[in-house]
């Protein structure tokens, strides 16, 4: 029950803002099943999914770099407030009356992708941090703040990232990679 854009995000490691193509990429939903051979390293999974999409959807796409406003995710001056993921010690999520939350063990690159929609523009990992961290950030969506429906005590995404994670979103203008879908069949082929 995923849109093709959601599947493309997983296959190419891009945010939804970095993928363009036909309008139906965001509306039509698909159940896509595939199984990798045992012992395949994680680094091979994205290229395998890309190949599967080319076969099933007759997908043709190209990459372009475009300069645009982004946020760089960096370590805040006060220092990091999260630790490497330890499955035996999962801290409780923050409570601040927020309406939205991003939570779970993830790499900084995955966190940056998760922050993209909340921040309203692509977020790029510039932390230099390796490994998986347990991230829990509770915030008030920007749309709720703009309409005045946000809880007065809830933090916006920028303050929440800094106070709860010890990271910062720094506005920049940089070239980023886009995936342009040139062609994709709306009805996928079976194996």
N, C-alpha and C. Protein backbone atom coordinates (compact mmCIF):
# COMPACT_ATOMS: atom_id res chain seq x y z
N UNK A 1 0.83 -1.19 0.00
CA UNK A 1 0.00 0.00 0.00
C UNK A 1 0.87 1.26 0.00
N UNK A 2 1.91 1.26 -0.81
CA UNK A 2 2.84 2.39 -0.88
C UNK A 2 2.74 3.05 -2.24
N UNK A 3 2.95 4.36 -2.27
CA UNK A 3 3.00 5.04 -3.56
C UNK A 3 4.35 4.74 -4.21
N UNK A 4 4.40 4.93 -5.51
CA UNK A 4 5.67 4.70 -6.20
C UNK A 4 6.72 5.70 -5.71
N UNK A 5 6.30 6.90 -5.35
CA UNK A 5 7.26 7.88 -4.82
C UNK A 5 7.86 7.38 -3.51
N UNK A 6 7.07 6.75 -2.65
CA UNK A 6 7.58 6.21 -1.39
C UNK A 6 8.59 5.10 -1.67
N UNK A 7 8.31 4.27 -2.65
CA UNK A 7 9.21 3.17 -3.00
C UNK A 7 10.50 3.74 -3.61
N UNK A 8 10.37 4.78 -4.43
CA UNK A 8 11.55 5.42 -5.01
C UNK A 8 12.42 6.05 -3.92
N UNK A 9 11.80 6.62 -2.89
CA UNK A 9 12.55 7.18 -1.77
C UNK A 9 13.43 6.11 -1.14
N UNK A 10 12.85 4.94 -0.90
CA UNK A 10 13.61 3.84 -0.29
C UNK A 10 14.70 3.33 -1.23
N UNK A 11 14.40 3.27 -2.52
CA UNK A 11 15.34 2.71 -3.49
C UNK A 11 16.53 3.63 -3.76
N UNK A 12 16.30 4.94 -3.67
CA UNK A 12 17.36 5.88 -4.02
C UNK A 12 17.88 6.68 -2.84
N UNK A 13 17.28 6.52 -1.66
CA UNK A 13 17.74 7.23 -0.47
C UNK A 13 17.52 8.73 -0.56
N UNK A 14 16.43 9.13 -1.18
CA UNK A 14 16.11 10.55 -1.36
C UNK A 14 14.82 10.89 -0.62
N UNK A 15 14.62 12.17 -0.35
CA UNK A 15 13.36 12.61 0.25
C UNK A 15 12.32 12.78 -0.85
N UNK A 16 11.06 12.88 -0.46
CA UNK A 16 10.00 13.06 -1.46
C UNK A 16 10.16 14.37 -2.22
N UNK A 17 10.77 15.37 -1.60
CA UNK A 17 11.00 16.65 -2.27
C UNK A 17 12.03 16.54 -3.39
N UNK A 18 12.81 15.47 -3.40
CA UNK A 18 13.88 15.31 -4.38
C UNK A 18 13.48 14.39 -5.54
N UNK A 19 12.20 14.04 -5.62
CA UNK A 19 11.72 13.14 -6.67
C UNK A 19 10.59 13.83 -7.42
N UNK A 20 10.71 13.88 -8.75
CA UNK A 20 9.62 14.47 -9.54
C UNK A 20 9.30 13.55 -10.70
N UNK A 21 8.07 13.67 -11.16
CA UNK A 21 7.59 12.84 -12.26
C UNK A 21 6.10 13.01 -12.40
N UNK A 22 5.44 12.02 -12.99
CA UNK A 22 3.99 12.12 -13.18
C UNK A 22 3.25 12.28 -11.84
N UNK A 23 2.11 12.96 -11.88
CA UNK A 23 1.32 13.20 -10.67
C UNK A 23 0.94 11.92 -9.93
N UNK A 24 0.70 10.85 -10.66
CA UNK A 24 0.24 9.62 -10.02
C UNK A 24 1.30 8.96 -9.14
N UNK A 25 2.56 9.41 -9.21
CA UNK A 25 3.60 8.86 -8.33
C UNK A 25 3.21 9.02 -6.86
N UNK A 26 2.42 10.07 -6.57
CA UNK A 26 2.01 10.37 -5.20
C UNK A 26 0.62 9.85 -4.83
N UNK A 27 -0.12 9.30 -5.79
CA UNK A 27 -1.50 8.91 -5.48
C UNK A 27 -1.76 7.41 -5.62
N UNK A 28 -1.34 6.80 -6.72
CA UNK A 28 -1.59 5.38 -6.91
C UNK A 28 -0.79 4.57 -5.90
N UNK A 29 -1.39 3.49 -5.40
CA UNK A 29 -0.73 2.68 -4.36
C UNK A 29 -0.48 1.27 -4.87
N UNK A 30 0.63 0.70 -4.38
CA UNK A 30 1.06 -0.61 -4.85
C UNK A 30 1.52 -1.47 -3.69
N UNK A 31 1.38 -2.77 -3.86
CA UNK A 31 1.97 -3.75 -2.96
C UNK A 31 3.10 -4.39 -3.75
N UNK A 32 4.31 -4.11 -3.36
CA UNK A 32 5.48 -4.61 -4.07
C UNK A 32 6.19 -5.62 -3.18
N UNK A 33 6.36 -6.82 -3.68
CA UNK A 33 7.03 -7.87 -2.91
C UNK A 33 8.28 -8.31 -3.63
N UNK A 34 9.32 -8.48 -2.85
CA UNK A 34 10.58 -8.97 -3.39
C UNK A 34 11.40 -9.53 -2.25
N UNK A 35 12.24 -10.49 -2.56
CA UNK A 35 13.07 -11.09 -1.53
C UNK A 35 14.49 -11.21 -2.05
N UNK A 36 15.43 -10.75 -1.24
CA UNK A 36 16.83 -10.85 -1.64
C UNK A 36 17.38 -12.20 -1.22
N UNK A 37 18.38 -12.68 -1.93
CA UNK A 37 19.01 -13.94 -1.52
C UNK A 37 19.63 -13.80 -0.13
N UNK A 38 19.70 -14.89 0.59
CA UNK A 38 20.28 -14.88 1.93
C UNK A 38 21.74 -14.45 1.86
N UNK A 39 22.14 -13.63 2.82
CA UNK A 39 23.52 -13.21 2.91
C UNK A 39 23.88 -11.97 2.11
N UNK A 40 22.89 -11.37 1.42
CA UNK A 40 23.16 -10.16 0.65
C UNK A 40 23.40 -9.01 1.63
N UNK A 41 24.51 -8.28 1.49
CA UNK A 41 24.76 -7.16 2.41
C UNK A 41 23.76 -6.03 2.19
N UNK A 42 23.50 -5.27 3.26
CA UNK A 42 22.57 -4.14 3.19
C UNK A 42 22.92 -3.18 2.08
N UNK A 43 24.21 -3.00 1.81
CA UNK A 43 24.65 -2.05 0.78
C UNK A 43 24.17 -2.44 -0.62
N UNK A 44 23.80 -3.69 -0.82
CA UNK A 44 23.32 -4.16 -2.13
C UNK A 44 21.81 -4.06 -2.29
N UNK A 45 21.09 -3.77 -1.21
CA UNK A 45 19.62 -3.78 -1.27
C UNK A 45 19.05 -2.65 -2.12
N UNK A 46 19.58 -1.43 -1.98
CA UNK A 46 19.04 -0.32 -2.77
C UNK A 46 19.23 -0.54 -4.27
N UNK A 47 20.43 -0.94 -4.73
CA UNK A 47 20.56 -1.22 -6.17
C UNK A 47 19.63 -2.36 -6.63
N UNK A 48 19.39 -3.34 -5.77
CA UNK A 48 18.48 -4.43 -6.14
C UNK A 48 17.05 -3.91 -6.28
N UNK A 49 16.63 -3.02 -5.38
CA UNK A 49 15.30 -2.44 -5.45
C UNK A 49 15.18 -1.55 -6.69
N UNK A 50 16.23 -0.81 -7.02
CA UNK A 50 16.22 0.01 -8.24
C UNK A 50 16.03 -0.87 -9.47
N UNK A 51 16.72 -1.99 -9.51
CA UNK A 51 16.60 -2.92 -10.63
C UNK A 51 15.18 -3.49 -10.71
N UNK A 52 14.61 -3.83 -9.56
CA UNK A 52 13.25 -4.36 -9.50
C UNK A 52 12.26 -3.33 -10.06
N UNK A 53 12.44 -2.06 -9.71
CA UNK A 53 11.54 -1.02 -10.20
C UNK A 53 11.67 -0.84 -11.71
N UNK A 54 12.89 -0.96 -12.23
CA UNK A 54 13.10 -0.85 -13.67
C UNK A 54 12.37 -1.98 -14.40
N UNK A 55 12.42 -3.19 -13.83
CA UNK A 55 11.77 -4.34 -14.44
C UNK A 55 10.25 -4.25 -14.34
N UNK A 56 9.74 -4.01 -13.14
CA UNK A 56 8.30 -4.08 -12.92
C UNK A 56 7.55 -2.87 -13.46
N UNK A 57 8.13 -1.68 -13.35
CA UNK A 57 7.45 -0.46 -13.79
C UNK A 57 8.01 0.08 -15.10
N UNK A 58 8.97 -0.61 -15.69
CA UNK A 58 9.65 -0.11 -16.89
C UNK A 58 10.15 1.31 -16.63
N UNK A 59 10.68 1.51 -15.43
CA UNK A 59 11.12 2.82 -14.96
C UNK A 59 12.37 3.28 -15.70
N UNK A 60 12.29 4.50 -16.20
CA UNK A 60 13.48 5.19 -16.68
C UNK A 60 13.51 6.53 -15.97
N UNK A 61 14.66 6.87 -15.45
CA UNK A 61 14.82 8.10 -14.68
C UNK A 61 16.25 8.60 -14.83
N UNK A 62 16.43 9.83 -14.53
CA UNK A 62 17.79 10.40 -14.53
C UNK A 62 17.95 11.30 -13.32
N UNK A 63 19.20 11.56 -12.98
CA UNK A 63 19.52 12.40 -11.83
C UNK A 63 20.00 13.76 -12.32
N UNK A 64 19.60 14.78 -11.58
CA UNK A 64 20.04 16.14 -11.86
C UNK A 64 20.40 16.81 -10.54
N UNK A 65 21.38 17.67 -10.57
CA UNK A 65 21.70 18.50 -9.41
C UNK A 65 21.11 19.88 -9.64
N UNK A 66 20.42 20.38 -8.61
CA UNK A 66 19.85 21.72 -8.66
C UNK A 66 20.21 22.43 -7.37
N UNK A 67 20.56 23.70 -7.49
CA UNK A 67 20.84 24.48 -6.29
C UNK A 67 19.52 24.98 -5.73
N UNK A 68 19.34 24.80 -4.43
CA UNK A 68 18.10 25.23 -3.79
C UNK A 68 18.31 25.41 -2.30
N UNK A 69 17.37 26.06 -1.62
CA UNK A 69 17.48 26.20 -0.17
C UNK A 69 17.36 24.83 0.51
N UNK A 70 18.25 24.58 1.45
CA UNK A 70 18.28 23.33 2.21
C UNK A 70 18.59 23.67 3.66
N UNK A 71 18.53 22.67 4.51
CA UNK A 71 19.04 22.79 5.87
C UNK A 71 20.15 21.76 6.03
N UNK A 72 21.28 22.21 6.56
CA UNK A 72 22.34 21.28 6.93
C UNK A 72 22.09 20.86 8.37
N UNK A 73 22.11 19.56 8.62
CA UNK A 73 21.99 19.03 9.97
C UNK A 73 23.40 18.95 10.55
N UNK A 74 23.65 19.73 11.61
CA UNK A 74 24.98 19.77 12.22
C UNK A 74 24.86 19.60 13.73
N UNK A 75 25.97 19.28 14.38
CA UNK A 75 25.98 19.17 15.84
C UNK A 75 25.94 20.58 16.42
N UNK A 76 25.06 20.82 17.39
CA UNK A 76 24.91 22.13 18.01
C UNK A 76 26.13 22.47 18.86
N UNK A 77 26.32 23.75 19.12
CA UNK A 77 27.48 24.21 19.91
C UNK A 77 27.50 23.61 21.30
N UNK A 78 26.32 23.37 21.89
CA UNK A 78 26.24 22.80 23.24
C UNK A 78 26.54 21.30 23.26
N UNK A 79 26.65 20.69 22.09
CA UNK A 79 27.00 19.27 22.01
C UNK A 79 25.80 18.35 21.84
N UNK A 80 26.10 17.17 21.41
CA UNK A 80 25.12 16.14 21.12
C UNK A 80 24.41 15.69 22.39
N UNK A 81 23.09 15.49 22.31
CA UNK A 81 22.30 15.06 23.47
C UNK A 81 21.72 13.66 23.29
N UNK A 82 22.18 12.95 22.29
CA UNK A 82 21.73 11.58 22.04
C UNK A 82 22.95 10.67 22.03
N UNK A 83 22.69 9.38 22.24
CA UNK A 83 23.78 8.40 22.29
C UNK A 83 23.60 7.36 21.21
N UNK A 84 24.69 6.65 20.95
CA UNK A 84 24.59 5.53 20.03
C UNK A 84 23.51 4.58 20.50
N UNK A 85 22.81 3.97 19.56
CA UNK A 85 21.68 3.10 19.87
C UNK A 85 22.13 1.89 20.66
N UNK A 86 21.47 1.67 21.79
CA UNK A 86 21.66 0.49 22.63
C UNK A 86 20.29 -0.11 22.85
N UNK A 87 19.99 -1.26 22.21
CA UNK A 87 18.64 -1.83 22.31
C UNK A 87 18.22 -2.17 23.74
N UNK A 88 19.19 -2.31 24.65
CA UNK A 88 18.82 -2.63 26.04
C UNK A 88 18.49 -1.39 26.85
N UNK A 89 18.73 -0.20 26.30
CA UNK A 89 18.43 1.05 27.01
C UNK A 89 17.81 2.06 26.05
N UNK A 90 16.49 2.04 25.99
CA UNK A 90 15.78 2.98 25.12
C UNK A 90 15.15 4.06 26.00
N UNK A 91 15.60 5.30 25.83
CA UNK A 91 15.07 6.37 26.67
C UNK A 91 13.61 6.69 26.34
N UNK A 92 12.87 7.26 27.31
CA UNK A 92 11.47 7.63 27.03
C UNK A 92 11.43 8.82 26.07
N UNK A 93 10.38 8.91 25.26
CA UNK A 93 10.27 10.04 24.33
C UNK A 93 10.00 11.34 25.10
N UNK A 94 10.39 12.47 24.53
CA UNK A 94 10.14 13.75 25.18
C UNK A 94 8.64 14.06 25.22
N UNK A 95 8.21 14.77 26.26
CA UNK A 95 6.81 15.17 26.40
C UNK A 95 6.78 16.70 26.46
N UNK A 96 6.14 17.30 25.48
CA UNK A 96 6.03 18.75 25.51
C UNK A 96 4.75 19.25 24.84
N UNK A 97 3.73 18.41 24.76
CA UNK A 97 2.48 18.81 24.14
C UNK A 97 2.54 18.87 22.63
N UNK A 98 3.56 18.28 22.05
CA UNK A 98 3.73 18.34 20.60
C UNK A 98 2.75 17.41 19.89
N UNK A 99 2.44 17.77 18.67
CA UNK A 99 1.51 16.98 17.87
C UNK A 99 2.21 15.96 16.99
N UNK A 100 3.51 16.12 16.75
CA UNK A 100 4.25 15.23 15.86
C UNK A 100 5.51 14.73 16.54
N UNK A 101 5.95 13.54 16.10
CA UNK A 101 7.15 12.96 16.70
C UNK A 101 7.89 12.13 15.65
N UNK A 102 9.20 12.20 15.70
CA UNK A 102 10.07 11.33 14.92
C UNK A 102 10.85 10.55 15.96
N UNK A 103 10.76 9.21 15.89
CA UNK A 103 11.37 8.41 16.94
C UNK A 103 11.92 7.11 16.37
N UNK A 104 13.04 6.65 16.93
CA UNK A 104 13.57 5.35 16.56
C UNK A 104 15.07 5.36 16.38
N UNK A 105 15.64 4.17 16.27
CA UNK A 105 17.08 4.08 15.99
C UNK A 105 17.33 4.38 14.52
N UNK A 106 18.26 5.28 14.25
CA UNK A 106 18.53 5.64 12.86
C UNK A 106 19.91 6.27 12.72
N UNK A 107 20.41 6.21 11.51
CA UNK A 107 21.65 6.92 11.20
C UNK A 107 21.33 8.40 11.07
N UNK A 108 22.34 9.24 11.06
CA UNK A 108 22.11 10.67 10.89
C UNK A 108 21.53 10.97 9.51
N UNK A 109 21.91 10.19 8.51
CA UNK A 109 21.36 10.36 7.17
C UNK A 109 19.86 10.04 7.18
N UNK A 110 19.47 8.97 7.86
CA UNK A 110 18.05 8.63 7.96
C UNK A 110 17.29 9.71 8.73
N UNK A 111 17.89 10.22 9.79
CA UNK A 111 17.25 11.30 10.55
C UNK A 111 17.04 12.51 9.66
N UNK A 112 18.07 12.88 8.89
CA UNK A 112 17.95 14.03 7.98
C UNK A 112 16.79 13.83 7.02
N UNK A 113 16.65 12.63 6.45
CA UNK A 113 15.53 12.35 5.55
C UNK A 113 14.20 12.47 6.27
N UNK A 114 14.14 11.98 7.53
CA UNK A 114 12.90 12.08 8.30
C UNK A 114 12.55 13.52 8.65
N UNK A 115 13.53 14.37 8.81
CA UNK A 115 13.30 15.77 9.16
C UNK A 115 12.88 16.61 7.96
N UNK A 116 13.13 16.13 6.76
CA UNK A 116 12.89 16.91 5.55
C UNK A 116 11.46 17.42 5.44
N UNK A 117 10.47 16.55 5.60
CA UNK A 117 9.09 17.01 5.43
C UNK A 117 8.70 17.97 6.55
N UNK A 118 9.18 17.74 7.76
CA UNK A 118 8.84 18.63 8.88
C UNK A 118 9.49 20.00 8.71
N UNK A 119 10.68 20.04 8.12
CA UNK A 119 11.40 21.30 7.94
C UNK A 119 10.94 22.06 6.70
N UNK A 120 10.29 21.37 5.77
CA UNK A 120 9.77 22.04 4.58
C UNK A 120 10.77 22.21 3.45
N UNK A 121 11.96 21.66 3.62
CA UNK A 121 12.96 21.67 2.55
C UNK A 121 13.95 20.54 2.84
N UNK A 122 14.74 20.13 1.86
CA UNK A 122 15.67 19.02 2.10
C UNK A 122 16.62 19.31 3.27
N UNK A 123 16.85 18.28 4.08
CA UNK A 123 17.80 18.34 5.18
C UNK A 123 18.95 17.40 4.82
N UNK A 124 20.17 17.92 4.87
CA UNK A 124 21.36 17.15 4.51
C UNK A 124 22.18 16.86 5.76
N UNK A 125 22.60 15.62 5.91
CA UNK A 125 23.42 15.24 7.06
C UNK A 125 24.83 15.79 6.89
N UNK A 126 25.22 16.71 7.75
CA UNK A 126 26.57 17.27 7.76
C UNK A 126 27.19 17.09 9.14
N UNK A 127 26.67 16.11 9.92
CA UNK A 127 27.14 15.91 11.29
C UNK A 127 28.50 15.21 11.34
N UNK A 128 28.77 14.35 10.36
CA UNK A 128 29.99 13.55 10.40
C UNK A 128 29.90 12.40 11.39
N UNK A 129 28.71 12.17 11.95
CA UNK A 129 28.52 11.10 12.94
C UNK A 129 28.22 9.78 12.25
N UNK A 130 28.90 8.73 12.68
CA UNK A 130 28.70 7.39 12.14
C UNK A 130 27.85 6.58 13.12
N UNK A 131 27.25 5.52 12.64
CA UNK A 131 26.49 4.62 13.50
C UNK A 131 25.03 5.02 13.61
N UNK A 132 24.31 4.21 14.39
CA UNK A 132 22.88 4.45 14.61
C UNK A 132 22.67 5.04 16.00
N UNK A 133 21.80 6.04 16.07
CA UNK A 133 21.47 6.73 17.31
C UNK A 133 19.98 6.56 17.58
N UNK A 134 19.62 6.53 18.86
CA UNK A 134 18.20 6.53 19.18
C UNK A 134 17.75 7.97 19.22
N UNK A 135 16.91 8.34 18.27
CA UNK A 135 16.44 9.72 18.15
C UNK A 135 14.97 9.80 18.51
N UNK A 136 14.63 10.73 19.36
CA UNK A 136 13.24 11.00 19.71
C UNK A 136 13.08 12.51 19.77
N UNK A 137 12.33 13.03 18.83
CA UNK A 137 12.11 14.47 18.78
C UNK A 137 10.61 14.73 18.62
N UNK A 138 10.05 15.48 19.57
CA UNK A 138 8.63 15.84 19.57
C UNK A 138 8.52 17.32 19.24
N UNK A 139 7.63 17.66 18.32
CA UNK A 139 7.56 19.04 17.84
C UNK A 139 6.16 19.37 17.35
N UNK A 140 5.93 20.64 17.18
CA UNK A 140 4.69 21.13 16.61
C UNK A 140 4.92 21.38 15.13
N UNK A 141 4.11 20.80 14.25
CA UNK A 141 4.33 21.01 12.81
C UNK A 141 4.26 22.49 12.43
N UNK A 142 5.03 22.86 11.43
CA UNK A 142 5.07 24.24 10.97
C UNK A 142 3.69 24.71 10.52
N UNK A 143 2.91 23.83 9.90
CA UNK A 143 1.56 24.20 9.43
C UNK A 143 0.67 24.57 10.62
N UNK A 144 0.78 23.82 11.71
CA UNK A 144 -0.02 24.13 12.90
C UNK A 144 0.40 25.46 13.50
N UNK A 145 1.67 25.76 13.45
CA UNK A 145 2.16 27.03 13.98
C UNK A 145 1.67 28.19 13.11
N UNK A 146 1.67 27.98 11.79
CA UNK A 146 1.25 29.03 10.87
C UNK A 146 -0.24 29.35 11.01
N UNK A 147 -1.05 28.35 11.32
CA UNK A 147 -2.50 28.56 11.45
C UNK A 147 -2.91 28.89 12.87
N UNK A 148 -1.96 28.89 13.81
CA UNK A 148 -2.27 29.22 15.19
C UNK A 148 -2.93 28.09 15.97
N UNK A 149 -2.87 26.86 15.43
CA UNK A 149 -3.51 25.73 16.11
C UNK A 149 -2.52 24.91 16.93
N UNK A 150 -1.28 25.35 16.99
CA UNK A 150 -0.25 24.61 17.74
C UNK A 150 -0.38 24.88 19.23
N UNK A 151 -0.04 23.86 20.02
CA UNK A 151 0.02 24.03 21.47
C UNK A 151 1.09 25.07 21.78
N UNK A 152 0.76 26.03 22.64
CA UNK A 152 1.68 27.12 22.95
C UNK A 152 3.00 26.63 23.55
N UNK A 153 2.98 25.49 24.25
CA UNK A 153 4.18 24.97 24.89
C UNK A 153 5.02 24.10 23.97
N UNK A 154 4.46 23.68 22.84
CA UNK A 154 5.17 22.78 21.94
C UNK A 154 6.25 23.53 21.16
N UNK A 155 7.38 22.89 20.97
CA UNK A 155 8.50 23.47 20.24
C UNK A 155 8.31 23.30 18.75
N UNK A 156 8.81 24.25 17.96
CA UNK A 156 8.83 24.03 16.52
C UNK A 156 9.96 23.05 16.21
N UNK A 157 10.04 22.58 14.98
CA UNK A 157 11.02 21.55 14.62
C UNK A 157 12.46 22.01 14.87
N UNK A 158 12.74 23.28 14.67
CA UNK A 158 14.10 23.80 14.81
C UNK A 158 14.54 23.80 16.27
N UNK A 159 13.69 24.30 17.16
CA UNK A 159 14.00 24.32 18.59
C UNK A 159 14.04 22.91 19.14
N UNK A 160 13.12 22.05 18.70
CA UNK A 160 13.07 20.67 19.20
C UNK A 160 14.33 19.90 18.84
N UNK A 161 14.79 20.03 17.62
CA UNK A 161 16.01 19.33 17.18
C UNK A 161 17.20 19.77 18.04
N UNK A 162 17.28 21.06 18.32
CA UNK A 162 18.40 21.56 19.09
C UNK A 162 18.30 21.16 20.56
N UNK A 163 17.13 21.34 21.17
CA UNK A 163 16.99 21.07 22.60
C UNK A 163 16.96 19.58 22.92
N UNK A 164 16.33 18.78 22.07
CA UNK A 164 16.14 17.36 22.38
C UNK A 164 17.25 16.47 21.84
N UNK A 165 17.88 16.87 20.75
CA UNK A 165 18.90 16.02 20.12
C UNK A 165 20.31 16.60 20.21
N UNK A 166 20.43 17.89 20.46
CA UNK A 166 21.75 18.52 20.45
C UNK A 166 22.27 18.70 19.04
N UNK A 167 21.35 18.84 18.10
CA UNK A 167 21.69 19.07 16.70
C UNK A 167 21.07 20.39 16.27
N UNK A 168 21.45 20.86 15.11
CA UNK A 168 20.93 22.15 14.64
C UNK A 168 20.66 22.07 13.15
N UNK A 169 19.61 22.77 12.71
CA UNK A 169 19.30 22.89 11.28
C UNK A 169 19.76 24.28 10.84
N UNK A 170 20.75 24.29 9.97
CA UNK A 170 21.35 25.55 9.50
C UNK A 170 20.95 25.80 8.05
N UNK A 171 20.31 26.94 7.79
CA UNK A 171 19.84 27.27 6.44
C UNK A 171 21.03 27.53 5.52
N UNK A 172 20.97 26.93 4.34
CA UNK A 172 22.02 27.10 3.32
C UNK A 172 21.35 27.06 1.95
N UNK A 173 22.12 27.33 0.94
CA UNK A 173 21.70 27.12 -0.44
C UNK A 173 22.78 26.25 -1.06
N UNK A 174 22.41 25.04 -1.48
CA UNK A 174 23.39 24.09 -1.99
C UNK A 174 22.81 23.30 -3.16
N UNK A 175 23.69 22.77 -4.00
CA UNK A 175 23.19 21.86 -5.03
C UNK A 175 22.82 20.52 -4.40
N UNK A 176 21.65 20.03 -4.72
CA UNK A 176 21.25 18.71 -4.24
C UNK A 176 20.78 17.86 -5.41
N UNK A 177 20.82 16.57 -5.18
CA UNK A 177 20.46 15.63 -6.23
C UNK A 177 18.95 15.43 -6.29
N UNK A 178 18.42 15.43 -7.51
CA UNK A 178 17.02 15.13 -7.76
C UNK A 178 16.93 13.91 -8.65
N UNK A 179 15.89 13.14 -8.47
CA UNK A 179 15.59 12.03 -9.36
C UNK A 179 14.38 12.45 -10.19
N UNK A 180 14.56 12.50 -11.50
CA UNK A 180 13.50 12.88 -12.42
C UNK A 180 13.01 11.60 -13.10
N UNK A 181 11.76 11.24 -12.87
CA UNK A 181 11.18 10.05 -13.49
C UNK A 181 10.75 10.44 -14.90
N UNK A 182 11.43 9.87 -15.88
CA UNK A 182 11.12 10.14 -17.27
C UNK A 182 9.94 9.29 -17.74
N UNK A 183 9.89 8.06 -17.25
CA UNK A 183 8.84 7.13 -17.68
C UNK A 183 8.64 6.07 -16.60
N UNK A 184 7.39 5.76 -16.34
CA UNK A 184 7.04 4.64 -15.46
C UNK A 184 5.64 4.19 -15.84
N UNK A 185 5.48 2.89 -16.01
CA UNK A 185 4.16 2.37 -16.33
C UNK A 185 3.31 2.31 -15.08
N UNK A 186 2.07 2.72 -15.24
CA UNK A 186 1.15 2.80 -14.11
C UNK A 186 0.72 1.43 -13.62
N UNK A 187 0.77 0.44 -14.50
CA UNK A 187 0.43 -0.94 -14.13
C UNK A 187 1.72 -1.75 -14.19
N UNK A 188 2.23 -2.17 -13.02
CA UNK A 188 3.51 -2.89 -13.02
C UNK A 188 3.40 -4.27 -13.64
N UNK A 189 4.51 -4.75 -14.19
CA UNK A 189 4.61 -6.09 -14.75
C UNK A 189 4.87 -7.09 -13.63
N UNK A 190 4.34 -8.27 -13.77
CA UNK A 190 4.63 -9.34 -12.82
C UNK A 190 5.99 -9.95 -13.16
N UNK A 191 6.56 -10.69 -12.23
CA UNK A 191 7.82 -11.39 -12.49
C UNK A 191 7.62 -12.47 -13.50
